PDB file of N, CA and C in Angstrom:
ATOM      1  N   UNK A   1      -6.320  -6.653  -0.162  1.00  0.00           N
ATOM      2  CA  UNK A   1      -5.089  -6.160   0.406  1.00  0.00           C
ATOM      3  C   UNK A   1      -5.260  -4.764   0.986  1.00  0.00           C
ATOM      4  N   UNK A   2      -5.967  -3.893   0.306  1.00  0.00           N
ATOM      5  CA  UNK A   2      -6.159  -2.542   0.838  1.00  0.00           C
ATOM      6  C   UNK A   2      -7.130  -2.532   2.001  1.00  0.00           C
ATOM      7  N   UNK A   3      -8.044  -3.498   2.050  1.00  0.00           N
ATOM      8  CA  UNK A   3      -8.938  -3.596   3.205  1.00  0.00           C
ATOM      9  C   UNK A   3      -8.128  -3.902   4.467  1.00  0.00           C
ATOM     10  N   UNK A   4      -7.168  -4.806   4.365  1.00  0.00           N
ATOM     11  CA  UNK A   4      -6.320  -5.125   5.511  1.00  0.00           C
ATOM     12  C   UNK A   4      -5.493  -3.914   5.931  1.00  0.00           C
ATOM     13  N   UNK A   5      -4.968  -3.188   4.969  1.00  0.00           N
ATOM     14  CA  UNK A   5      -4.192  -1.990   5.266  1.00  0.00           C
ATOM     15  C   UNK A   5      -5.060  -0.963   5.984  1.00  0.00           C
ATOM     16  N   UNK A   6      -6.287  -0.779   5.518  1.00  0.00           N
ATOM     17  CA  UNK A   6      -7.194   0.177   6.152  1.00  0.00           C
ATOM     18  C   UNK A   6      -7.494  -0.219   7.594  1.00  0.00           C
ATOM     19  N   UNK A   7      -7.704  -1.507   7.847  1.00  0.00           N
ATOM     20  CA  UNK A   7      -7.960  -1.988   9.211  1.00  0.00           C
ATOM     21  C   UNK A   7      -6.765  -1.684  10.110  1.00  0.00           C
ATOM     22  N   UNK A   8      -5.565  -1.949   9.618  1.00  0.00           N
ATOM     23  CA  UNK A   8      -4.361  -1.665  10.413  1.00  0.00           C
ATOM     24  C   UNK A   8      -4.208  -0.173  10.688  1.00  0.00           C
ATOM     25  N   UNK A   9      -4.443   0.639   9.676  1.00  0.00           N
ATOM     26  CA  UNK A   9      -4.350   2.093   9.868  1.00  0.00           C
ATOM     27  C   UNK A   9      -5.382   2.580  10.876  1.00  0.00           C
ATOM     28  N   UNK A  10      -6.612   2.125  10.737  1.00  0.00           N
ATOM     29  CA  UNK A  10      -7.682   2.534  11.647  1.00  0.00           C
ATOM     30  C   UNK A  10      -7.358   2.125  13.080  1.00  0.00           C
ATOM     31  N   UNK A  11      -6.815   0.928  13.249  1.00  0.00           N
ATOM     32  CA  UNK A  11      -6.451   0.449  14.570  1.00  0.00           C
ATOM     33  C   UNK A  11      -5.382   1.305  15.230  1.00  0.00           C
ATOM     34  N   UNK A  12      -4.579   1.977  14.411  1.00  0.00           N
ATOM     35  CA  UNK A  12      -3.532   2.859  14.927  1.00  0.00           C
ATOM     36  C   UNK A  12      -3.978   4.320  14.927  1.00  0.00           C
ATOM     37  N   UNK A  13      -5.276   4.558  14.731  1.00  0.00           N
ATOM     38  CA  UNK A  13      -5.842   5.913  14.645  1.00  0.00           C
ATOM     39  C   UNK A  13      -5.205   6.729  13.526  1.00  0.00           C
ATOM     40  N   UNK A  14      -4.945   6.068  12.400  1.00  0.00           N
ATOM     41  CA  UNK A  14      -4.380   6.703  11.209  1.00  0.00           C
ATOM     42  C   UNK A  14      -5.295   6.440  10.028  1.00  0.00           C
ATOM     43  N   UNK A  15      -4.988   7.046   8.894  1.00  0.00           N
ATOM     44  CA  UNK A  15      -5.709   6.742   7.660  1.00  0.00           C
ATOM     45  C   UNK A  15      -4.747   6.840   6.485  1.00  0.00           C
ATOM     46  N   UNK A  16      -5.248   6.674   5.283  1.00  0.00           N
ATOM     47  CA  UNK A  16      -4.408   6.619   4.092  1.00  0.00           C
ATOM     48  C   UNK A  16      -3.624   7.908   3.862  1.00  0.00           C
ATOM     49  N   UNK A  17      -4.062   9.018   4.434  1.00  0.00           N
ATOM     50  CA  UNK A  17      -3.307  10.266   4.289  1.00  0.00           C
ATOM     51  C   UNK A  17      -1.975  10.213   5.023  1.00  0.00           C
ATOM     52  N   UNK A  18      -1.812   9.250   5.934  1.00  0.00           N
ATOM     53  CA  UNK A  18      -0.556   9.087   6.658  1.00  0.00           C
ATOM     54  C   UNK A  18       0.484   8.280   5.878  1.00  0.00           C
ATOM     55  N   UNK A  19       0.085   7.699   4.756  1.00  0.00           N
ATOM     56  CA  UNK A  19       1.016   6.908   3.953  1.00  0.00           C
ATOM     57  C   UNK A  19       2.022   7.815   3.256  1.00  0.00           C
ATOM     58  N   UNK A  20       3.297   7.502   3.412  1.00  0.00           N
ATOM     59  CA  UNK A  20       4.355   8.226   2.711  1.00  0.00           C
ATOM     60  C   UNK A  20       4.836   7.447   1.495  1.00  0.00           C
ATOM     61  N   UNK A  21       4.977   6.120   1.667  1.00  0.00           N
ATOM     62  CA  UNK A  21       5.451   5.281   0.575  1.00  0.00           C
ATOM     63  C   UNK A  21       4.905   3.874   0.758  1.00  0.00           C
ATOM     64  N   UNK A  22       4.590   3.241  -0.358  1.00  0.00           N
ATOM     65  CA  UNK A  22       4.231   1.831  -0.326  1.00  0.00           C
ATOM     66  C   UNK A  22       5.184   1.065  -1.236  1.00  0.00           C
ATOM     67  N   UNK A  23       5.443  -0.165  -0.864  1.00  0.00           N
ATOM     68  CA  UNK A  23       6.173  -1.083  -1.725  1.00  0.00           C
ATOM     69  C   UNK A  23       5.221  -2.235  -2.011  1.00  0.00           C
ATOM     70  N   UNK A  24       4.955  -2.451  -3.279  1.00  0.00           N
ATOM     71  CA  UNK A  24       4.061  -3.522  -3.704  1.00  0.00           C
ATOM     72  C   UNK A  24       4.898  -4.658  -4.256  1.00  0.00           C
ATOM     73  N   UNK A  25       4.726  -5.833  -3.685  1.00  0.00           N
ATOM     74  CA  UNK A  25       5.398  -7.033  -4.156  1.00  0.00           C
ATOM     75  C   UNK A  25       4.369  -7.856  -4.925  1.00  0.00           C
ATOM     76  N   UNK A  26       4.640  -8.109  -6.197  1.00  0.00           N
ATOM     77  CA  UNK A  26       3.708  -8.832  -7.063  1.00  0.00           C
ATOM     78  C   UNK A  26       4.323 -10.148  -7.506  1.00  0.00           C
ATOM     79  N   UNK A  27       3.512 -11.193  -7.554  1.00  0.00           N
ATOM     80  CA  UNK A  27       3.965 -12.453  -8.133  1.00  0.00           C
ATOM     81  C   UNK A  27       4.152 -12.330  -9.633  1.00  0.00           C
ATOM     82  N   UNK A  28       3.372 -11.443 -10.261  1.00  0.00           N
ATOM     83  CA  UNK A  28       3.422 -11.297 -11.712  1.00  0.00           C
ATOM     84  C   UNK A  28       3.048  -9.872 -12.107  1.00  0.00           C
ATOM     85  N   UNK A  29       3.795  -9.321 -13.052  1.00  0.00           N
ATOM     86  CA  UNK A  29       3.434  -8.004 -13.564  1.00  0.00           C
ATOM     87  C   UNK A  29       2.157  -8.057 -14.407  1.00  0.00           C
ATOM     88  N   UNK A  30       1.648  -9.229 -14.674  1.00  0.00           N
ATOM     89  CA  UNK A  30       0.366  -9.340 -15.372  1.00  0.00           C
ATOM     90  C   UNK A  30      -0.738  -8.671 -14.572  1.00  0.00           C
ATOM     91  N   UNK A  31      -0.543  -8.528 -13.261  1.00  0.00           N
ATOM     92  CA  UNK A  31      -1.546  -7.932 -12.378  1.00  0.00           C
ATOM     93  C   UNK A  31      -1.392  -6.422 -12.206  1.00  0.00           C
ATOM     94  N   UNK A  32      -0.386  -5.807 -12.815  1.00  0.00           N
ATOM     95  CA  UNK A  32      -0.051  -4.415 -12.515  1.00  0.00           C
ATOM     96  C   UNK A  32      -1.189  -3.445 -12.843  1.00  0.00           C
ATOM     97  N   UNK A  33      -1.865  -3.606 -13.971  1.00  0.00           N
ATOM     98  CA  UNK A  33      -2.949  -2.675 -14.326  1.00  0.00           C
ATOM     99  C   UNK A  33      -4.076  -2.726 -13.306  1.00  0.00           C
ATOM    100  N   UNK A  34      -4.437  -3.924 -12.875  1.00  0.00           N
ATOM    101  CA  UNK A  34      -5.491  -4.083 -11.873  1.00  0.00           C
ATOM    102  C   UNK A  34      -5.059  -3.472 -10.538  1.00  0.00           C
ATOM    103  N   UNK A  35      -3.823  -3.691 -10.152  1.00  0.00           N
ATOM    104  CA  UNK A  35      -3.311  -3.171  -8.884  1.00  0.00           C
ATOM    105  C   UNK A  35      -3.281  -1.645  -8.910  1.00  0.00           C
ATOM    106  N   UNK A  36      -2.819  -1.047  -9.995  1.00  0.00           N
ATOM    107  CA  UNK A  36      -2.768   0.414 -10.095  1.00  0.00           C
ATOM    108  C   UNK A  36      -4.176   0.999 -10.048  1.00  0.00           C
ATOM    109  N   UNK A  37      -5.134   0.358 -10.695  1.00  0.00           N
ATOM    110  CA  UNK A  37      -6.522   0.837 -10.655  1.00  0.00           C
ATOM    111  C   UNK A  37      -7.056   0.800  -9.229  1.00  0.00           C
ATOM    112  N   UNK A  38      -6.793  -0.271  -8.502  1.00  0.00           N
ATOM    113  CA  UNK A  38      -7.237  -0.374  -7.110  1.00  0.00           C
ATOM    114  C   UNK A  38      -6.519   0.662  -6.256  1.00  0.00           C
ATOM    115  N   UNK A  39      -5.231   0.839  -6.476  1.00  0.00           N
ATOM    116  CA  UNK A  39      -4.423   1.828  -5.754  1.00  0.00           C
ATOM    117  C   UNK A  39      -5.049   3.216  -5.883  1.00  0.00           C
ATOM    118  N   UNK A  40      -5.374   3.592  -7.111  1.00  0.00           N
ATOM    119  CA  UNK A  40      -5.967   4.920  -7.365  1.00  0.00           C
ATOM    120  C   UNK A  40      -7.364   5.043  -6.774  1.00  0.00           C
ATOM    121  N   UNK A  41      -8.108   3.951  -6.768  1.00  0.00           N
ATOM    122  CA  UNK A  41      -9.466   3.949  -6.227  1.00  0.00           C
ATOM    123  C   UNK A  41      -9.467   4.056  -4.704  1.00  0.00           C
ATOM    124  N   UNK A  42      -8.522   3.403  -4.051  1.00  0.00           N
ATOM    125  CA  UNK A  42      -8.537   3.281  -2.595  1.00  0.00           C
ATOM    126  C   UNK A  42      -7.718   4.329  -1.847  1.00  0.00           C
ATOM    127  N   UNK A  43      -6.769   4.983  -2.546  1.00  0.00           N
ATOM    128  CA  UNK A  43      -5.904   5.940  -1.858  1.00  0.00           C
ATOM    129  C   UNK A  43      -6.176   7.360  -2.349  1.00  0.00           C
ATOM    130  N   UNK A  44      -6.121   8.324  -1.434  1.00  0.00           N
ATOM    131  CA  UNK A  44      -6.392   9.708  -1.825  1.00  0.00           C
ATOM    132  C   UNK A  44      -5.177  10.346  -2.502  1.00  0.00           C
ATOM    133  N   UNK A  45      -5.456  11.324  -3.345  1.00  0.00           N
ATOM    134  CA  UNK A  45      -4.371  12.131  -3.905  1.00  0.00           C
ATOM    135  C   UNK A  45      -3.944  13.143  -2.853  1.00  0.00           C
ATOM    136  N   UNK A  46      -2.705  13.561  -2.817  1.00  0.00           N
ATOM    137  CA  UNK A  46      -1.611  13.045  -3.641  1.00  0.00           C
ATOM    138  C   UNK A  46      -1.247  11.642  -3.185  1.00  0.00           C
ATOM    139  N   UNK A  47      -1.048  10.769  -4.164  1.00  0.00           N
ATOM    140  CA  UNK A  47      -0.735   9.380  -3.850  1.00  0.00           C
ATOM    141  C   UNK A  47       0.629   9.292  -3.174  1.00  0.00           C
ATOM    142  N   UNK A  48       0.769   8.346  -2.264  1.00  0.00           N
ATOM    143  CA  UNK A  48       2.095   8.144  -1.678  1.00  0.00           C
ATOM    144  C   UNK A  48       3.059   7.617  -2.742  1.00  0.00           C
ATOM    145  N   UNK A  49       4.343   7.818  -2.505  1.00  0.00           N
ATOM    146  CA  UNK A  49       5.342   7.243  -3.408  1.00  0.00           C
ATOM    147  C   UNK A  49       5.116   5.730  -3.461  1.00  0.00           C
ATOM    148  N   UNK A  50       5.451   5.134  -4.609  1.00  0.00           N
ATOM    149  CA  UNK A  50       5.205   3.702  -4.756  1.00  0.00           C
ATOM    150  C   UNK A  50       6.398   3.035  -5.424  1.00  0.00           C
ATOM    151  N   UNK A  51       6.814   1.940  -4.852  1.00  0.00           N
ATOM    152  CA  UNK A  51       7.812   1.059  -5.447  1.00  0.00           C
ATOM    153  C   UNK A  51       7.078  -0.244  -5.758  1.00  0.00           C
ATOM    154  N   UNK A  52       7.262  -0.759  -6.962  1.00  0.00           N
ATOM    155  CA  UNK A  52       6.604  -2.010  -7.346  1.00  0.00           C
ATOM    156  C   UNK A  52       7.669  -2.999  -7.807  1.00  0.00           C
ATOM    157  N   UNK A  53       7.640  -4.181  -7.213  1.00  0.00           N
ATOM    158  CA  UNK A  53       8.620  -5.216  -7.529  1.00  0.00           C
ATOM    159  C   UNK A  53       7.923  -6.523  -7.854  1.00  0.00           C
ATOM    160  N   UNK A  54       8.453  -7.239  -8.846  1.00  0.00           N
ATOM    161  CA  UNK A  54       7.985  -8.595  -9.099  1.00  0.00           C
ATOM    162  C   UNK A  54       8.905  -9.543  -8.345  1.00  0.00           C
ATOM    163  N   UNK A  55       8.303 -10.495  -7.644  1.00  0.00           N
ATOM    164  CA  UNK A  55       9.067 -11.463  -6.857  1.00  0.00           C
ATOM    165  C   UNK A  55       8.714 -12.881  -7.296  1.00  0.00           C
ATOM    166  N   UNK A  56       9.587 -13.812  -6.955  1.00  0.00           N
ATOM    167  CA  UNK A  56       9.379 -15.203  -7.358  1.00  0.00           C
ATOM    168  C   UNK A  56       8.220 -15.856  -6.625  1.00  0.00           C
ATOM    169  N   UNK A  57       7.929 -15.401  -5.409  1.00  0.00           N
ATOM    170  CA  UNK A  57       6.833 -15.989  -4.650  1.00  0.00           C
ATOM    171  C   UNK A  57       6.585 -15.205  -3.380  1.00  0.00           C
ATOM    172  N   UNK A  58       5.383 -15.327  -2.865  1.00  0.00           N
ATOM    173  CA  UNK A  58       4.986 -14.646  -1.634  1.00  0.00           C
ATOM    174  C   UNK A  58       4.410 -15.668  -0.655  1.00  0.00           C
ATOM    175  N   UNK A  59       4.470 -15.373   0.641  1.00  0.00           N
ATOM    176  CA  UNK A  59       3.913 -16.298   1.632  1.00  0.00           C
ATOM    177  C   UNK A  59       2.433 -16.577   1.376  1.00  0.00           C
ATOM    178  N   UNK A  60       2.021 -17.764   1.696  1.00  0.00           N
ATOM    179  CA  UNK A  60       0.615 -18.188   1.608  1.00  0.00           C
ATOM    180  C   UNK A  60       0.063 -18.107   0.187  1.00  0.00           C
ATOM    181  N   UNK A  61       0.954 -18.082  -0.803  1.00  0.00           N
ATOM    182  CA  UNK A  61       0.557 -18.026  -2.216  1.00  0.00           C
ATOM    183  C   UNK A  61      -0.328 -16.837  -2.574  1.00  0.00           C
ATOM    184  N   UNK A  62      -0.152 -15.712  -1.864  1.00  0.00           N
ATOM    185  CA  UNK A  62      -0.896 -14.505  -2.226  1.00  0.00           C
ATOM    186  C   UNK A  62      -0.300 -13.902  -3.486  1.00  0.00           C
ATOM    187  N   UNK A  63      -1.066 -13.107  -4.201  1.00  0.00           N
ATOM    188  CA  UNK A  63      -0.600 -12.473  -5.438  1.00  0.00           C
ATOM    189  C   UNK A  63       0.098 -11.156  -5.185  1.00  0.00           C
ATOM    190  N   UNK A  64      -0.283 -10.461  -4.084  1.00  0.00           N
ATOM    191  CA  UNK A  64       0.250  -9.129  -3.806  1.00  0.00           C
ATOM    192  C   UNK A  64       0.512  -8.999  -2.313  1.00  0.00           C
ATOM    193  N   UNK A  65       1.609  -8.331  -1.990  1.00  0.00           N
ATOM    194  CA  UNK A  65       1.897  -7.984  -0.598  1.00  0.00           C
ATOM    195  C   UNK A  65       2.275  -6.515  -0.583  1.00  0.00           C
ATOM    196  N   UNK A  66       1.849  -5.798   0.467  1.00  0.00           N
ATOM    197  CA  UNK A  66       2.121  -4.365   0.585  1.00  0.00           C
ATOM    198  C   UNK A  66       2.963  -4.102   1.823  1.00  0.00           C
ATOM    199  N   UNK A  67       3.980  -3.287   1.637  1.00  0.00           N
ATOM    200  CA  UNK A  67       4.754  -2.742   2.752  1.00  0.00           C
ATOM    201  C   UNK A  67       4.471  -1.243   2.752  1.00  0.00           C
ATOM    202  N   UNK A  68       4.235  -0.665   3.922  1.00  0.00           N
ATOM    203  CA  UNK A  68       3.861   0.744   3.986  1.00  0.00           C
ATOM    204  C   UNK A  68       4.748   1.507   4.976  1.00  0.00           C
ATOM    205  N   UNK A  69       5.151   2.698   4.573  1.00  0.00           N
ATOM    206  CA  UNK A  69       5.879   3.623   5.431  1.00  0.00           C
ATOM    207  C   UNK A  69       4.917   4.760   5.756  1.00  0.00           C
ATOM    208  N   UNK A  70       4.755   5.049   7.052  1.00  0.00           N
ATOM    209  CA  UNK A  70       3.739   6.000   7.499  1.00  0.00           C
ATOM    210  C   UNK A  70       4.318   7.169   8.265  1.00  0.00           C
ATOM    211  N   UNK A  71       3.648   8.292   8.189  1.00  0.00           N
ATOM    212  CA  UNK A  71       3.901   9.457   9.045  1.00  0.00           C
ATOM    213  C   UNK A  71       2.966   9.313  10.219  1.00  0.00           C
ATOM    214  N   UNK A  72       3.515   9.299  11.425  1.00  0.00           N
ATOM    215  CA  UNK A  72       2.667   9.079  12.598  1.00  0.00           C
ATOM    216  C   UNK A  72       2.609  10.251  13.558  1.00  0.00           C
ATOM    217  N   UNK A  73       3.383  11.291  13.293  1.00  0.00           N
ATOM    218  CA  UNK A  73       3.345  12.444  14.202  1.00  0.00           C
ATOM    219  C   UNK A  73       3.399  13.736  13.405  1.00  0.00           C
ATOM    220  N   UNK A  74       2.926  14.780  14.017  1.00  0.00           N
ATOM    221  CA  UNK A  74       2.934  16.093  13.423  1.00  0.00           C
ATOM    222  C   UNK A  74       3.828  17.003  14.257  1.00  0.00           C
ATOM    223  N   UNK A  75       4.706  17.710  13.595  1.00  0.00           N
ATOM    224  CA  UNK A  75       5.592  18.628  14.289  1.00  0.00           C
ATOM    225  C   UNK A  75       4.919  19.987  14.335  1.00  0.00           C
ATOM    226  N   UNK A  76       4.744  20.514  15.547  1.00  0.00           N
ATOM    227  CA  UNK A  76       4.118  21.834  15.706  1.00  0.00           C
ATOM    228  C   UNK A  76       5.120  22.903  15.308  1.00  0.00           C
ATOM    229  N   UNK A  77       4.646  23.900  14.577  1.00  0.00           N
ATOM    230  CA  UNK A  77       5.550  24.941  14.095  1.00  0.00           C
ATOM    231  C   UNK A  77       5.324  26.163  14.764  1.00  0.00           C
TER     232      UNK A  77
END
């Protein structure tokens, strides 16, 4: 899941530092420890805000889906 996110960010000339918030949709909270470990491994500090929700099902029977809110511009001061 984070590999796909990285590809999308790179394609937009962005990186994980542009992440402001992620929403993680999980089929089961049984996966939460693994997901948090991957989150910490793949994203730089300070980590973006995170919302985590358990849902009844996800498309294509995936275990996790990520929604990301990004900062795409810099305001000159």
